Protein backbone atom coordinates (compact mmCIF):
# COMPACT_ATOMS: atom_id res chain seq x y z
CA MET A 1 0.22 -0.13 0.21
CA GLU A 2 0.95 3.55 -0.52
CA THR A 3 1.31 6.10 2.37
CA PRO A 4 -1.77 8.09 2.27
CA ALA A 5 -0.78 11.76 1.12
CA LEU A 6 -2.16 13.23 4.38
CA LEU A 7 -0.59 10.84 6.72
CA ASP A 8 2.79 11.76 5.22
CA ALA A 9 2.29 15.44 5.40
CA LEU A 10 1.19 14.60 9.29
CA LEU A 11 3.87 12.54 9.62
CA ARG A 12 6.43 15.12 8.35
CA THR A 13 5.29 17.91 10.56
CA PRO A 14 7.21 18.59 13.68
CA GLY A 15 4.61 19.08 16.61
CA PRO A 16 5.62 17.75 19.99
CA SER A 17 2.76 18.03 22.66
CA GLY A 18 2.25 21.98 23.40
CA TYR A 19 3.76 23.10 20.02
CA GLU A 20 1.13 21.73 17.72
CA ARG A 21 0.41 24.33 15.73
CA ASP A 22 2.15 23.43 12.66
CA ALA A 23 1.08 19.84 12.33
CA ALA A 24 -2.40 21.06 13.33
CA ALA A 25 -2.32 23.38 10.46
CA VAL A 26 -1.96 20.66 8.27
CA TRP A 27 -4.72 18.81 9.54
CA ARG A 28 -7.21 21.50 9.56
CA GLN A 29 -6.55 22.49 5.73
CA ALA A 30 -7.30 18.98 4.84
CA ALA A 31 -10.42 19.50 6.49
CA GLY A 32 -11.60 21.87 4.48
CA PHE A 33 -15.04 20.10 3.48
CA ALA A 34 -16.60 20.23 7.19
CA GLU A 35 -17.31 22.84 9.68
CA ILE A 36 -14.07 23.56 11.60
CA THR A 37 -13.68 25.08 14.95
CA THR A 38 -10.59 24.92 17.76
CA ASP A 39 -10.55 25.34 20.95
CA GLY A 40 -8.58 27.36 23.92
CA LEU A 41 -5.36 24.70 24.01
CA GLY A 42 -5.46 24.39 19.91
CA GLY A 43 -7.36 21.34 19.74
CA SER A 44 -9.04 21.23 16.21
CA ILE A 45 -12.61 19.85 15.74
CA ALA A 46 -14.01 19.25 12.33
CA THR A 47 -17.72 18.20 11.93
CA VAL A 48 -20.36 17.32 9.39
CA GLY A 49 -23.88 16.34 9.87
CA ASP A 50 -26.65 19.00 10.56
CA ASP A 51 -29.71 16.79 12.08
CA GLU A 52 -29.91 18.36 15.49
CA GLY A 53 -31.95 15.36 16.86
CA ALA A 54 -28.72 12.69 15.67
CA PRO A 55 -26.67 11.56 18.00
CA LEU A 56 -23.06 13.35 18.24
CA VAL A 57 -20.15 11.23 17.74
CA ALA A 58 -16.67 12.33 18.44
CA VAL A 59 -13.72 10.38 17.45
CA VAL A 60 -10.64 11.61 18.88
CA GLY A 61 -6.96 11.16 18.20
CA HIS A 62 -4.10 13.16 19.52
CA ILE A 63 -2.00 15.05 17.01
CA ASP A 64 0.69 15.73 19.48
CA GLU A 65 4.33 13.53 19.75
CA ILE A 66 6.85 13.49 22.29
CA GLY A 67 9.46 15.68 21.73
CA LEU A 68 12.30 18.03 23.50
CA VAL A 69 12.49 21.53 24.83
CA VAL A 70 16.01 24.00 24.51
CA THR A 71 16.28 24.67 28.38
CA HIS A 72 19.68 26.49 27.96
CA ILE A 73 22.30 27.56 26.00
CA ASP A 74 25.84 27.40 27.32
CA GLU A 75 29.00 29.90 26.29
CA LYS A 76 29.96 27.31 23.68
CA GLY A 77 26.75 27.19 21.89
CA PHE A 78 25.84 23.53 23.15
CA LEU A 79 22.01 23.41 23.83
CA TYR A 80 20.88 21.40 26.81
CA PHE A 81 17.18 20.21 27.32
CA ALA A 82 14.36 19.03 28.72
CA PRO A 83 11.82 15.94 27.63
CA ILE A 84 8.33 16.44 26.22
CA GLY A 85 6.82 13.32 27.41
CA GLY A 86 8.08 9.92 27.73
CA TRP A 87 11.49 9.01 26.86
CA ASP A 88 14.13 6.31 26.85
CA PRO A 89 17.08 8.35 26.59
CA GLN A 90 18.75 5.19 25.17
CA ILE A 91 17.25 5.94 21.94
CA LEU A 92 18.22 9.78 21.78
CA VAL A 93 22.04 9.12 21.75
CA GLY A 94 23.08 10.00 18.55
CA GLN A 95 20.38 11.13 16.73
CA ARG A 96 19.93 14.05 14.14
CA VAL A 97 17.19 16.40 15.72
CA LEU A 98 15.47 19.54 14.60
CA ILE A 99 14.48 22.62 16.33
CA THR A 100 11.93 24.96 15.26
CA GLY A 101 14.16 27.96 15.77
CA THR A 102 13.53 31.72 15.60
CA HIS A 103 13.67 32.04 12.03
CA GLY A 104 12.69 28.46 10.96
CA PRO A 105 13.97 25.19 11.14
CA VAL A 106 17.85 24.55 12.65
CA HIS A 107 19.49 20.90 11.89
CA GLY A 108 21.61 19.57 15.02
CA VAL A 109 22.47 16.23 16.58
CA ALA A 110 22.36 14.89 20.26
CA GLY A 111 25.78 14.05 21.55
CA ARG A 112 27.06 12.81 24.57
CA LYS A 113 30.59 12.03 25.84
CA PRO A 114 32.00 9.31 23.45
CA ILE A 115 32.43 5.72 24.64
CA HIS A 116 35.92 5.54 24.30
CA LEU A 117 36.23 8.29 27.29
CA LEU A 118 33.88 6.97 29.42
CA ASP A 119 35.98 4.81 32.33
CA PRO A 120 34.55 1.22 32.72
CA GLU A 121 31.87 2.04 35.44
CA GLN A 122 30.54 4.21 33.60
CA ARG A 123 30.10 2.35 30.29
CA LYS A 124 27.91 -0.55 32.52
CA LYS A 125 25.05 2.56 32.94
CA VAL A 126 22.54 3.47 30.97
CA VAL A 127 23.07 6.91 29.88
CA LYS A 128 20.39 9.67 31.17
CA LEU A 129 18.99 12.73 29.82
CA LYS A 130 20.65 15.41 31.68
CA GLU A 131 24.43 14.22 30.32
CA MET A 132 23.47 14.58 26.99
CA HIS A 133 23.41 18.16 25.12
CA ILE A 134 22.37 18.85 21.29
CA ASP A 135 24.68 20.39 18.98
CA ILE A 136 24.18 22.66 16.27
CA GLY A 137 27.64 23.49 15.05
CA ALA A 138 27.72 27.10 16.34
CA GLU A 139 31.16 28.30 17.83
CA ASP A 140 29.29 29.98 20.81
CA ARG A 141 26.42 31.34 22.73
CA ASP A 142 26.24 34.48 20.13
CA ALA A 143 26.16 32.22 17.16
CA ALA A 144 23.37 29.99 18.61
CA GLU A 145 21.15 32.02 20.07
CA ALA A 146 21.25 33.83 16.72
CA LEU A 147 19.17 30.62 15.36
CA VAL A 148 17.61 29.46 18.49
CA SER A 149 16.20 30.40 21.64
CA VAL A 150 15.51 28.87 25.19
CA GLY A 151 11.82 27.26 25.05
CA ASP A 152 12.24 25.98 21.23
CA PRO A 153 10.82 22.49 20.71
CA VAL A 154 12.86 20.00 19.39
CA VAL A 155 12.22 16.49 17.37
CA ILE A 156 14.52 13.93 16.03
CA ASP A 157 14.79 14.59 12.79
CA ALA A 158 13.29 11.13 11.13
CA GLU A 159 11.19 11.16 8.07
CA PRO A 160 8.79 8.56 6.93
CA MET A 161 10.05 5.67 5.08
CA ALA A 162 8.36 2.60 3.14
CA VAL A 163 9.52 -0.82 4.41
CA ALA A 164 8.65 -4.39 2.81
CA GLY A 165 5.08 -5.87 3.69
CA GLY A 166 3.29 -2.74 3.26
CA ARG A 167 4.61 -0.85 6.59
CA LEU A 168 5.81 1.85 7.16
CA VAL A 169 8.20 3.56 9.57
CA SER A 170 8.34 7.16 11.00
CA ARG A 171 8.71 8.99 14.12
CA SER A 172 5.34 10.43 15.58
CA MET A 173 3.14 7.59 14.33
CA ASP A 174 1.96 7.91 18.23
CA ASN A 175 -0.09 9.38 17.43
CA ARG A 176 -0.58 11.23 13.83
CA LEU A 177 -2.17 7.63 13.06
CA GLY A 178 -5.31 8.66 15.51
CA SER A 179 -5.56 11.93 14.05
CA TYR A 180 -5.28 10.69 10.53
CA VAL A 181 -7.81 8.05 11.00
CA ALA A 182 -10.15 10.53 12.58
CA LEU A 183 -10.36 12.92 9.74
CA GLU A 184 -10.27 10.36 6.81
CA ALA A 185 -13.13 8.24 8.64
CA LEU A 186 -14.80 11.95 8.80
CA ARG A 187 -14.21 12.44 4.99
CA ARG A 188 -15.18 9.12 3.74
CA CYS A 189 -18.71 9.54 6.03
CA HIS A 190 -19.31 12.60 4.50
CA ASP A 191 -18.80 11.65 0.66
CA ASP A 192 -20.80 8.44 1.17
CA SER A 193 -24.18 10.36 2.87
CA LYS A 194 -25.18 7.23 4.81
CA MET A 195 -24.62 8.95 8.35
CA LYS A 196 -27.92 9.31 10.63
CA ALA A 197 -25.55 10.70 13.11
CA ARG A 198 -23.40 13.69 13.41
CA PHE A 199 -19.57 13.08 13.61
CA ALA A 200 -17.11 15.43 14.90
CA ALA A 201 -13.35 14.41 14.32
CA VAL A 202 -10.95 15.55 16.67
CA ALA A 203 -7.37 16.43 16.60
CA ALA A 204 -6.30 16.58 20.14
CA VAL A 205 -3.44 18.47 21.82
CA GLN A 206 -1.15 17.45 25.02
CA GLU A 207 -2.00 13.89 25.35
CA GLU A 208 1.58 13.20 25.83
CA ILE A 209 2.09 15.32 28.48
CA GLY A 210 -1.65 14.57 30.49
CA LEU A 211 -4.69 13.77 28.31
CA PHE A 212 -5.46 17.47 28.39
CA GLY A 213 -6.52 18.13 24.97
CA SER A 214 -9.27 15.73 24.67
CA ARG A 215 -10.85 17.10 28.04
CA THR A 216 -10.97 20.48 26.90
CA ALA A 217 -12.14 19.41 23.37
CA ALA A 218 -15.06 17.18 25.45
CA PHE A 219 -16.42 20.68 26.63
CA THR A 220 -15.97 22.37 23.36
CA VAL A 221 -17.95 19.22 21.09
CA ARG A 222 -20.24 18.06 23.61
CA PRO A 223 -20.51 14.58 22.01
CA ASP A 224 -22.85 12.18 22.98
CA LEU A 225 -20.77 9.32 22.59
CA ALA A 226 -16.56 9.20 21.85
CA VAL A 227 -14.19 7.10 20.49
CA ALA A 228 -10.34 7.51 21.05
CA ILE A 229 -8.19 6.22 18.78
CA ASP A 230 -4.46 6.01 19.46
CA VAL A 231 -1.84 3.21 18.96
CA THR A 232 -0.82 -0.01 20.96
CA HIS A 233 1.73 -2.33 21.07
CA ALA A 234 1.94 -4.74 18.06
CA THR A 235 2.61 -8.39 20.05
CA ASP A 236 4.43 -10.17 16.78
CA ALA A 237 7.89 -7.95 17.68
CA PRO A 238 10.79 -9.57 19.78
CA GLY A 239 10.33 -9.10 23.09
CA VAL A 240 6.73 -8.67 23.78
CA ASP A 241 4.74 -10.96 25.71
CA GLU A 242 1.50 -11.51 24.58
CA LYS A 243 0.38 -13.18 28.01
CA GLU A 244 0.70 -9.13 29.30
CA VAL A 245 -0.63 -7.30 26.44
CA GLY A 246 -2.80 -9.71 24.66
CA SER A 247 -2.48 -10.71 20.61
CA HIS A 248 -2.43 -8.10 18.38
CA PRO A 249 0.03 -8.57 15.56
CA PHE A 250 0.53 -6.45 12.17
CA GLY A 251 -2.26 -7.51 10.20
CA SER A 252 -4.90 -8.25 12.86
CA GLY A 253 -6.61 -4.77 11.94
CA PRO A 254 -7.63 -2.42 14.65
CA VAL A 255 -7.67 -3.49 18.27
CA ILE A 256 -11.24 -2.59 19.87
CA GLY A 257 -10.78 -1.85 23.96
CA ARG A 258 -12.74 -3.47 26.71
CA GLY A 259 -12.16 -2.56 30.34
CA SER A 260 -13.30 -1.16 33.37
CA THR A 261 -13.10 2.49 32.14
CA LEU A 262 -14.97 2.07 28.50
CA SER A 263 -18.36 1.61 27.41
CA PRO A 264 -19.81 -1.82 27.52
CA ARG A 265 -22.26 -0.53 25.21
CA VAL A 266 -19.68 1.20 22.47
CA TYR A 267 -17.52 -1.83 22.62
CA GLU A 268 -20.56 -3.70 21.37
CA LEU A 269 -21.14 -1.28 18.78
CA LEU A 270 -17.77 -1.67 17.54
CA ARG A 271 -17.20 -5.33 17.78
CA ASP A 272 -20.88 -5.94 15.99
CA THR A 273 -19.54 -3.63 13.43
CA ALA A 274 -16.36 -4.92 12.60
CA GLU A 275 -17.67 -8.41 12.48
CA GLU A 276 -20.66 -7.14 10.28
CA ALA A 277 -18.58 -5.85 7.53
CA GLY A 278 -15.67 -8.19 7.81
CA ILE A 279 -12.94 -6.48 9.37
CA SER A 280 -10.60 -8.60 11.14
CA TYR A 281 -10.04 -7.07 14.69
CA SER A 282 -8.64 -8.12 17.98
CA VAL A 283 -9.93 -7.14 21.74
CA GLY A 284 -7.62 -5.41 23.99
CA ALA A 285 -8.61 -5.42 27.85
CA SER A 286 -7.80 -2.96 30.59
CA GLY A 287 -8.38 -3.62 34.37
CA ASN A 288 -7.59 0.40 35.06
CA ALA A 289 -6.78 3.24 33.24
CA THR A 290 -5.72 2.65 29.34
CA HIS A 291 -3.36 5.33 29.34
CA THR A 292 -5.02 7.02 26.14
CA ASP A 293 -7.73 10.10 25.75
CA ALA A 294 -10.54 7.63 26.30
CA ASP A 295 -9.30 8.09 30.25
CA SER A 296 -10.07 11.64 30.18
CA LEU A 297 -13.19 11.81 27.77
CA GLN A 298 -15.25 8.91 29.74
CA ILE A 299 -14.88 11.54 32.87
CA SER A 300 -15.57 14.83 31.17
CA ARG A 301 -18.27 16.87 31.55
CA THR A 302 -21.14 14.33 32.98
CA GLY A 303 -19.51 11.61 32.05
CA ILE A 304 -19.27 10.46 28.06
CA PRO A 305 -19.68 6.65 27.17
CA THR A 306 -16.27 6.18 25.42
CA GLY A 307 -14.91 3.39 23.62
CA LEU A 308 -10.76 2.92 22.60
CA VAL A 309 -9.48 1.86 19.01
CA SER A 310 -5.88 1.28 18.92
CA ILE A 311 -3.60 0.33 15.99
CA PRO A 312 -0.71 -2.33 16.13
CA LEU A 313 2.40 -0.70 16.66
CA ARG A 314 6.10 -1.59 17.22
CA TYR A 315 8.94 0.28 18.62
CA MET A 316 6.77 2.63 20.18
CA HIS A 317 7.89 6.43 20.93
CA SER A 318 11.10 6.24 18.85
CA PRO A 319 12.30 7.23 15.42
CA VAL A 320 11.44 4.22 14.11
CA GLU A 321 7.62 3.51 14.99
CA MET A 322 6.24 0.74 12.59
CA VAL A 323 2.71 0.03 11.30
CA ASP A 324 1.32 -1.97 9.00
CA LEU A 325 -0.70 0.45 6.39
CA ALA A 326 -3.71 -2.19 6.13
CA ASP A 327 -4.28 -2.08 10.32
CA VAL A 328 -4.44 1.38 9.50
CA GLU A 329 -6.85 1.43 6.66
CA ALA A 330 -8.97 -1.26 8.62
CA THR A 331 -9.39 0.79 11.34
CA VAL A 332 -10.65 3.88 9.07
CA GLU A 333 -13.10 1.59 7.58
CA LEU A 334 -14.28 0.25 11.00
CA ILE A 335 -15.14 3.62 12.33
CA ARG A 336 -16.75 4.68 9.05
CA ALA A 337 -19.04 1.46 9.08
CA PHE A 338 -19.60 2.41 13.16
CA VAL A 339 -20.34 6.21 12.90
CA ASN A 340 -22.64 5.19 9.55
CA ARG A 341 -24.84 2.37 11.84
CA LEU A 342 -25.34 4.82 14.49
CA GLU A 343 -29.17 6.12 14.72
CA PRO A 344 -31.19 8.28 16.86
CA GLY A 345 -31.75 6.75 20.33
CA VAL A 346 -29.18 4.54 20.41
CA ASP A 347 -28.90 3.11 24.00
CA LEU A 348 -25.64 3.85 25.34
CA SER A 349 -26.64 3.23 28.72
CA ARG A 350 -24.59 0.71 31.42
């Protein structure tokens, strides 16, 4: 499968938590067929359907990614940073990085003390973020400050790359995939004109630092029900234990969430939709929090019946996140079919 143009554009655009503006602009431009609104945090909502008696469903995928933020520039022009979201520090060593600087993009590398200069005890220890720096090639602080400022966001500089088997590798799959699925499903529902419901696709912000954007979006949209779209761990990669996370290999389709915090009725509707449409799926169980936007959606306002659909992903929170594009397509089709089967008076009680 070829990478959808919108997904490719979203993956190439930096947008760590709190700095999602450029990625959101790409999403909003693609949503021009719908009614577009925003909230105070920068979340984007695209809505179709105008029957006030019909149920309003919000499909929420967060558009932010993990990143870094510049905290200090020393006299030699080296940059120091803090994490935005959850990082495995080992992944960052030796990576090329991209800073959204004062006058545009600035390229650099994440550096640390070379292994040749580490003593034997240091070599046994995992590196810490505070032991690394960013080198943009500047000769001193003045030269660096002409290009970047404290507070500028940073992402790993890694463009999408197609690999064998219809799979795609990129940074920011978590969770440009969710924002893509929400908008592409909205477009298809708009084009086929079968909806009896109203549909709001949401590109939420600040998920990686606290599930904040989905909470504000819930108050902006005021949906009758919601579905969060995120990623989950593909279980056909070495070292992943199916006994802990279930069986969700590449090619098995979307993972429909079922658990304590998720609406049983929304789960049943998603499951029945997949079976009737002939869409392969697996079930992901959670006994407590799902650690996705579903957690904040379901307790927003007076409580929103919420479901969760995830896409199997390898190497999460790394610059080489990998997805099977067939699973992405199946997830879009599941959401399209799910929204098209919603009718006025749908029972969402639990």
